[in-house]
Amino acid sequence: QVQLVESGGGLVQAGGSLRLSCAASRSIFGINTMGWFRQAPGKERELVAAITIGGSTDYADSVKGRFTIAKDNARATVYLQMNSLKPEDTAVYYCNKRSASIYHYWGQGTQVTVSS
């Protein structure tokens, strides 16, 4: 059974930081490149960061240098450290395998709101 539980979101002022966590089931965590996605109101969901099984990372240009993705294999948990947050980072953040589509299971996400 697939499980994805995101947490760590909240309200923060511009320039602040948040650390998101995603507890994933072993059925998805151990065999896939994992990613953090976000969806702002009225916009499509977008991939912001990804981490391979081997630990290589990739970022969207909009977050490069500000966000860091990491994982704890023992805990099957993926993290997203977000620094220098901007109002345009406001969105619901989700984690999933990088290749996930709308037809796959998604968790409830965690809301991040950045005030100016």
C-alpha atoms as a PDB file:
ATOM      1  CA  GLN A   1       0.000   0.000   0.000  1.00  0.00           C
ATOM      2  CA  VAL A   2       1.387   3.385  -1.013  1.00  0.00           C
ATOM      3  CA  GLN A   3       1.682   5.944   1.758  1.00  0.00           C
ATOM      4  CA  LEU A   4       2.882   9.518   1.437  1.00  0.00           C
ATOM      5  CA  VAL A   5       2.545  11.811   4.441  1.00  0.00           C
ATOM      6  CA  GLU A   6       3.807  15.364   4.066  1.00  0.00           C
ATOM      7  CA  SER A   7       4.340  17.710   6.999  1.00  0.00           C
ATOM      8  CA  GLY A   8       6.200  20.829   8.059  1.00  0.00           C
ATOM      9  CA  GLY A   9       4.354  23.525   6.161  1.00  0.00           C
ATOM     10  CA  GLY A  10       3.138  26.740   7.683  1.00  0.00           C
ATOM     11  CA  LEU A  11       3.025  30.517   7.478  1.00  0.00           C
ATOM     12  CA  VAL A  12       6.343  32.317   7.221  1.00  0.00           C
ATOM     13  CA  GLN A  13       7.503  35.784   6.285  1.00  0.00           C
ATOM     14  CA  ALA A  14       9.453  36.401   3.106  1.00  0.00           C
ATOM     15  CA  GLY A  15      13.096  35.548   3.671  1.00  0.00           C
ATOM     16  CA  GLY A  16      12.264  32.886   6.215  1.00  0.00           C
ATOM     17  CA  SER A  17      12.815  29.145   6.175  1.00  0.00           C
ATOM     18  CA  LEU A  18      10.816  25.959   6.482  1.00  0.00           C
ATOM     19  CA  ARG A  19      11.728  22.288   6.447  1.00  0.00           C
ATOM     20  CA  LEU A  20       9.253  19.871   4.919  1.00  0.00           C
ATOM     21  CA  SER A  21       9.208  16.139   5.605  1.00  0.00           C
ATOM     22  CA  CYS A  22       7.622  13.300   3.683  1.00  0.00           C
ATOM     23  CA  ALA A  23       7.246   9.828   5.155  1.00  0.00           C
ATOM     24  CA  ALA A  24       6.909   7.384   2.300  1.00  0.00           C
ATOM     25  CA  SER A  25       6.118   3.710   2.130  1.00  0.00           C
ATOM     26  CA  ARG A  26       8.948   1.392   1.211  1.00  0.00           C
ATOM     27  CA  SER A  27       7.079   0.295  -1.893  1.00  0.00           C
ATOM     28  CA  ILE A  28       7.720   3.684  -3.433  1.00  0.00           C
ATOM     29  CA  PHE A  29      10.717   5.133  -1.608  1.00  0.00           C
ATOM     30  CA  GLY A  30      13.361   2.523  -2.235  1.00  0.00           C
ATOM     31  CA  ILE A  31      12.971   2.024  -5.959  1.00  0.00           C
ATOM     32  CA  ASN A  32      12.254   5.467  -7.347  1.00  0.00           C
ATOM     33  CA  THR A  33      13.706   8.880  -7.797  1.00  0.00           C
ATOM     34  CA  MET A  34      11.693  10.929  -5.337  1.00  0.00           C
ATOM     35  CA  GLY A  35      10.547  14.468  -5.846  1.00  0.00           C
ATOM     36  CA  TRP A  36       8.916  17.414  -4.173  1.00  0.00           C
ATOM     37  CA  PHE A  37       6.163  19.085  -6.147  1.00  0.00           C
ATOM     38  CA  ARG A  38       4.052  22.135  -5.519  1.00  0.00           C
ATOM     39  CA  GLN A  39       0.736  23.457  -6.735  1.00  0.00           C
ATOM     40  CA  ALA A  40      -0.279  27.067  -6.370  1.00  0.00           C
ATOM     41  CA  PRO A  41      -3.904  28.184  -6.741  1.00  0.00           C
ATOM     42  CA  GLY A  42      -4.941  28.212 -10.383  1.00  0.00           C
ATOM     43  CA  LYS A  43      -1.681  26.625 -11.525  1.00  0.00           C
ATOM     44  CA  GLU A  44      -0.588  23.139 -12.484  1.00  0.00           C
ATOM     45  CA  ARG A  45       1.459  21.012 -10.175  1.00  0.00           C
ATOM     46  CA  GLU A  46       5.186  21.434 -10.825  1.00  0.00           C
ATOM     47  CA  LEU A  47       8.296  19.535  -9.812  1.00  0.00           C
ATOM     48  CA  VAL A  48      10.644  21.670  -7.736  1.00  0.00           C
ATOM     49  CA  ALA A  49      13.289  19.183  -6.578  1.00  0.00           C
ATOM     50  CA  ALA A  50      14.229  15.554  -7.074  1.00  0.00           C
ATOM     51  CA  ILE A  51      16.675  13.092  -5.572  1.00  0.00           C
ATOM     52  CA  THR A  52      17.768   9.816  -7.126  1.00  0.00           C
ATOM     53  CA  ILE A  53      18.289   6.500  -5.384  1.00  0.00           C
ATOM     54  CA  GLY A  54      21.994   7.279  -5.400  1.00  0.00           C
ATOM     55  CA  GLY A  55      21.488  10.726  -3.916  1.00  0.00           C
ATOM     56  CA  SER A  56      21.956  12.951  -6.946  1.00  0.00           C
ATOM     57  CA  THR A  57      19.753  16.029  -6.859  1.00  0.00           C
ATOM     58  CA  ASP A  58      18.076  18.292  -9.367  1.00  0.00           C
ATOM     59  CA  TYR A  59      16.146  21.540  -8.927  1.00  0.00           C
ATOM     60  CA  ALA A  60      13.810  23.786 -10.819  1.00  0.00           C
ATOM     61  CA  ASP A  61      15.461  27.053 -11.781  1.00  0.00           C
ATOM     62  CA  SER A  62      13.016  28.967  -9.599  1.00  0.00           C
ATOM     63  CA  VAL A  63      14.293  27.326  -6.395  1.00  0.00           C
ATOM     64  CA  LYS A  64      17.911  26.577  -7.249  1.00  0.00           C
ATOM     65  CA  GLY A  65      20.242  27.876  -4.554  1.00  0.00           C
ATOM     66  CA  ARG A  66      17.405  28.273  -2.044  1.00  0.00           C
ATOM     67  CA  PHE A  67      15.926  24.782  -1.642  1.00  0.00           C
ATOM     68  CA  THR A  68      17.746  21.580  -0.720  1.00  0.00           C
ATOM     69  CA  ILE A  69      16.300  18.096  -1.051  1.00  0.00           C
ATOM     70  CA  ALA A  70      17.639  15.258   1.059  1.00  0.00           C
ATOM     71  CA  LYS A  71      16.545  11.840   2.226  1.00  0.00           C
ATOM     72  CA  ASP A  72      16.980   9.408   5.069  1.00  0.00           C
ATOM     73  CA  ASN A  73      16.963   5.893   3.673  1.00  0.00           C
ATOM     74  CA  ALA A  74      16.603   4.266   7.079  1.00  0.00           C
ATOM     75  CA  ARG A  75      13.450   6.275   7.781  1.00  0.00           C
ATOM     76  CA  ALA A  76      12.158   6.268   4.165  1.00  0.00           C
ATOM     77  CA  THR A  77      11.748  10.018   4.524  1.00  0.00           C
ATOM     78  CA  VAL A  78      12.401  12.806   2.071  1.00  0.00           C
ATOM     79  CA  TYR A  79      13.090  16.351   3.225  1.00  0.00           C
ATOM     80  CA  LEU A  80      12.927  19.742   1.581  1.00  0.00           C
ATOM     81  CA  GLN A  81      14.826  22.560   3.267  1.00  0.00           C
ATOM     82  CA  MET A  82      13.491  25.847   1.976  1.00  0.00           C
ATOM     83  CA  ASN A  83      15.445  29.025   2.642  1.00  0.00           C
ATOM     84  CA  SER A  84      15.027  32.618   1.472  1.00  0.00           C
ATOM     85  CA  LEU A  85      11.355  31.963   0.868  1.00  0.00           C
ATOM     86  CA  LYS A  86       9.433  34.264  -1.443  1.00  0.00           C
ATOM     87  CA  PRO A  87       5.692  34.960  -1.732  1.00  0.00           C
ATOM     88  CA  GLU A  88       5.712  33.115  -5.059  1.00  0.00           C
ATOM     89  CA  ASP A  89       6.715  29.946  -3.206  1.00  0.00           C
ATOM     90  CA  THR A  90       3.242  29.870  -1.671  1.00  0.00           C
ATOM     91  CA  ALA A  91       1.629  26.563  -2.642  1.00  0.00           C
ATOM     92  CA  VAL A  92       0.624  23.145  -1.418  1.00  0.00           C
ATOM     93  CA  TYR A  93       3.720  20.953  -1.427  1.00  0.00           C
ATOM     94  CA  TYR A  94       3.600  17.242  -2.184  1.00  0.00           C
ATOM     95  CA  CYS A  95       6.148  14.485  -2.425  1.00  0.00           C
ATOM     96  CA  ASN A  96       5.979  11.507  -4.729  1.00  0.00           C
ATOM     97  CA  LYS A  97       8.096   9.536  -7.154  1.00  0.00           C
ATOM     98  CA  ARG A  98       9.410  11.868  -9.830  1.00  0.00           C
ATOM     99  CA  SER A  99       7.483  10.067 -12.571  1.00  0.00           C
ATOM    100  CA  ALA A 100       4.123  10.298 -10.778  1.00  0.00           C
ATOM    101  CA  SER A 101       1.190  11.548 -12.819  1.00  0.00           C
ATOM    102  CA  ILE A 102      -2.306  12.642 -11.899  1.00  0.00           C
ATOM    103  CA  TYR A 103      -3.308   8.975 -12.124  1.00  0.00           C
ATOM    104  CA  HIS A 104      -1.061   7.967  -9.244  1.00  0.00           C
ATOM    105  CA  TYR A 105      -1.801   8.197  -5.546  1.00  0.00           C
ATOM    106  CA  TRP A 106      -0.943  11.548  -3.945  1.00  0.00           C
ATOM    107  CA  GLY A 107      -0.840  12.437  -0.273  1.00  0.00           C
ATOM    108  CA  GLN A 108      -2.689  15.351   1.279  1.00  0.00           C
ATOM    109  CA  GLY A 109       0.220  17.741   0.858  1.00  0.00           C
ATOM    110  CA  THR A 110       1.339  20.474   3.220  1.00  0.00           C
ATOM    111  CA  GLN A 111       0.455  24.148   2.809  1.00  0.00           C
ATOM    112  CA  VAL A 112       3.265  26.684   2.628  1.00  0.00           C
ATOM    113  CA  THR A 113       2.279  30.332   2.793  1.00  0.00           C
ATOM    114  CA  VAL A 114       4.875  33.074   2.461  1.00  0.00           C
ATOM    115  CA  SER A 115       3.792  36.567   3.392  1.00  0.00           C
ATOM    116  CA  SER A 116       5.432  39.665   1.952  1.00  0.00           C
END
